[in-house]
Amino acid sequence: MQVITIQEGDTLTGLAVIYYGTIEGVVSLARDNNLSITSELTLGQKLLIDSKKIIKPLTAKQLQLWLDR
């Protein structure tokens, strides 16, 4: 597992897309951190990311393209 620190603007959905490559990854991310998929994150909160599920993280440009579609 990898630990990440929540920064301003982070959401479970956004992090799922960045690390797992799909919006469906939000379910795994929430489950791995004992959260619901609608949980609000707090600045500085630590989350576990399952290293076995990580794809190559998206660049900021790739994420923006995904968000703009």
C-alpha atoms as a PDB file:
ATOM      1  CA  MET A   1       0.000   0.000   0.000  1.00  0.00           C
ATOM      2  CA  GLN A   2       1.045   3.555  -0.685  1.00  0.00           C
ATOM      3  CA  VAL A   3       0.018   6.453   1.559  1.00  0.00           C
ATOM      4  CA  ILE A   4      -1.057   9.763   0.051  1.00  0.00           C
ATOM      5  CA  THR A   5      -1.915  13.016   1.797  1.00  0.00           C
ATOM      6  CA  ILE A   6      -5.076  14.807   0.754  1.00  0.00           C
ATOM      7  CA  GLN A   7      -4.496  18.201  -0.796  1.00  0.00           C
ATOM      8  CA  GLU A   8      -6.942  20.991  -1.537  1.00  0.00           C
ATOM      9  CA  GLY A   9      -9.449  19.955  -4.196  1.00  0.00           C
ATOM     10  CA  ASP A  10      -8.861  16.196  -3.894  1.00  0.00           C
ATOM     11  CA  THR A  11     -11.902  13.938  -4.152  1.00  0.00           C
ATOM     12  CA  LEU A  12     -12.259  10.176  -3.975  1.00  0.00           C
ATOM     13  CA  THR A  13     -13.446  10.112  -7.569  1.00  0.00           C
ATOM     14  CA  GLY A  14     -10.563  12.223  -8.822  1.00  0.00           C
ATOM     15  CA  LEU A  15      -8.005  10.150  -6.934  1.00  0.00           C
ATOM     16  CA  ALA A  16      -9.541   6.928  -8.248  1.00  0.00           C
ATOM     17  CA  VAL A  17      -9.137   8.177 -11.816  1.00  0.00           C
ATOM     18  CA  ILE A  18      -5.583   9.380 -11.203  1.00  0.00           C
ATOM     19  CA  TYR A  19      -4.312   6.214  -9.507  1.00  0.00           C
ATOM     20  CA  TYR A  20      -6.591   3.431 -10.770  1.00  0.00           C
ATOM     21  CA  GLY A  21      -7.471   4.800 -14.184  1.00  0.00           C
ATOM     22  CA  THR A  22     -11.233   4.492 -13.796  1.00  0.00           C
ATOM     23  CA  ILE A  23     -14.010   6.198 -11.936  1.00  0.00           C
ATOM     24  CA  GLU A  24     -15.085   2.739 -10.726  1.00  0.00           C
ATOM     25  CA  GLY A  25     -11.894   2.635  -8.646  1.00  0.00           C
ATOM     26  CA  VAL A  26     -13.654   4.914  -6.159  1.00  0.00           C
ATOM     27  CA  VAL A  27     -15.327   1.844  -4.636  1.00  0.00           C
ATOM     28  CA  SER A  28     -11.977   0.170  -3.930  1.00  0.00           C
ATOM     29  CA  LEU A  29     -10.457   3.400  -2.676  1.00  0.00           C
ATOM     30  CA  ALA A  30     -13.357   3.990  -0.289  1.00  0.00           C
ATOM     31  CA  ARG A  31     -13.364   0.370   0.922  1.00  0.00           C
ATOM     32  CA  ASP A  32      -9.592   0.329   1.504  1.00  0.00           C
ATOM     33  CA  ASN A  33      -9.916   3.441   3.679  1.00  0.00           C
ATOM     34  CA  ASN A  34     -13.147   2.568   5.543  1.00  0.00           C
ATOM     35  CA  LEU A  35     -15.008   5.417   3.828  1.00  0.00           C
ATOM     36  CA  SER A  36     -18.232   5.650   1.879  1.00  0.00           C
ATOM     37  CA  ILE A  37     -18.042   6.719  -1.747  1.00  0.00           C
ATOM     38  CA  THR A  38     -19.674  10.009  -0.773  1.00  0.00           C
ATOM     39  CA  SER A  39     -17.264  10.786   2.077  1.00  0.00           C
ATOM     40  CA  GLU A  40     -15.745  14.252   2.087  1.00  0.00           C
ATOM     41  CA  LEU A  41     -11.982  14.347   2.435  1.00  0.00           C
ATOM     42  CA  THR A  42     -10.153  16.725   4.727  1.00  0.00           C
ATOM     43  CA  LEU A  43      -6.951  18.578   4.016  1.00  0.00           C
ATOM     44  CA  GLY A  44      -4.004  16.575   5.357  1.00  0.00           C
ATOM     45  CA  GLN A  45      -5.999  13.347   5.683  1.00  0.00           C
ATOM     46  CA  LYS A  46      -4.007  10.210   4.828  1.00  0.00           C
ATOM     47  CA  LEU A  47      -5.393   7.613   2.428  1.00  0.00           C
ATOM     48  CA  LEU A  48      -4.106   4.212   1.459  1.00  0.00           C
ATOM     49  CA  ILE A  49      -3.703   3.455  -2.234  1.00  0.00           C
ATOM     50  CA  ASP A  50      -3.481  -0.225  -3.176  1.00  0.00           C
ATOM     51  CA  SER A  51      -0.142  -0.474  -4.994  1.00  0.00           C
ATOM     52  CA  LYS A  52      -1.316  -3.579  -6.863  1.00  0.00           C
ATOM     53  CA  LYS A  53      -4.116  -1.599  -8.511  1.00  0.00           C
ATOM     54  CA  ILE A  54      -2.135   1.497  -9.466  1.00  0.00           C
ATOM     55  CA  ILE A  55      -1.768   2.248 -13.118  1.00  0.00           C
ATOM     56  CA  LYS A  56       0.768   4.796 -14.238  1.00  0.00           C
ATOM     57  CA  PRO A  57      -0.636   7.931 -12.563  1.00  0.00           C
ATOM     58  CA  LEU A  58      -2.173  10.429 -14.955  1.00  0.00           C
ATOM     59  CA  THR A  59      -0.389  13.659 -15.651  1.00  0.00           C
ATOM     60  CA  ALA A  60      -2.177  16.926 -14.882  1.00  0.00           C
ATOM     61  CA  LYS A  61      -2.817  17.380 -18.616  1.00  0.00           C
ATOM     62  CA  GLN A  62      -4.308  13.887 -18.975  1.00  0.00           C
ATOM     63  CA  LEU A  63      -6.543  14.461 -15.972  1.00  0.00           C
ATOM     64  CA  GLN A  64      -7.737  17.796 -17.342  1.00  0.00           C
ATOM     65  CA  LEU A  65      -8.576  16.162 -20.680  1.00  0.00           C
ATOM     66  CA  TRP A  66     -10.576  13.508 -18.826  1.00  0.00           C
ATOM     67  CA  LEU A  67     -12.412  16.135 -16.769  1.00  0.00           C
ATOM     68  CA  ASP A  68     -13.213  18.229 -19.851  1.00  0.00           C
ATOM     69  CA  ARG A  69     -14.906  15.434 -21.778  1.00  0.00           C
END
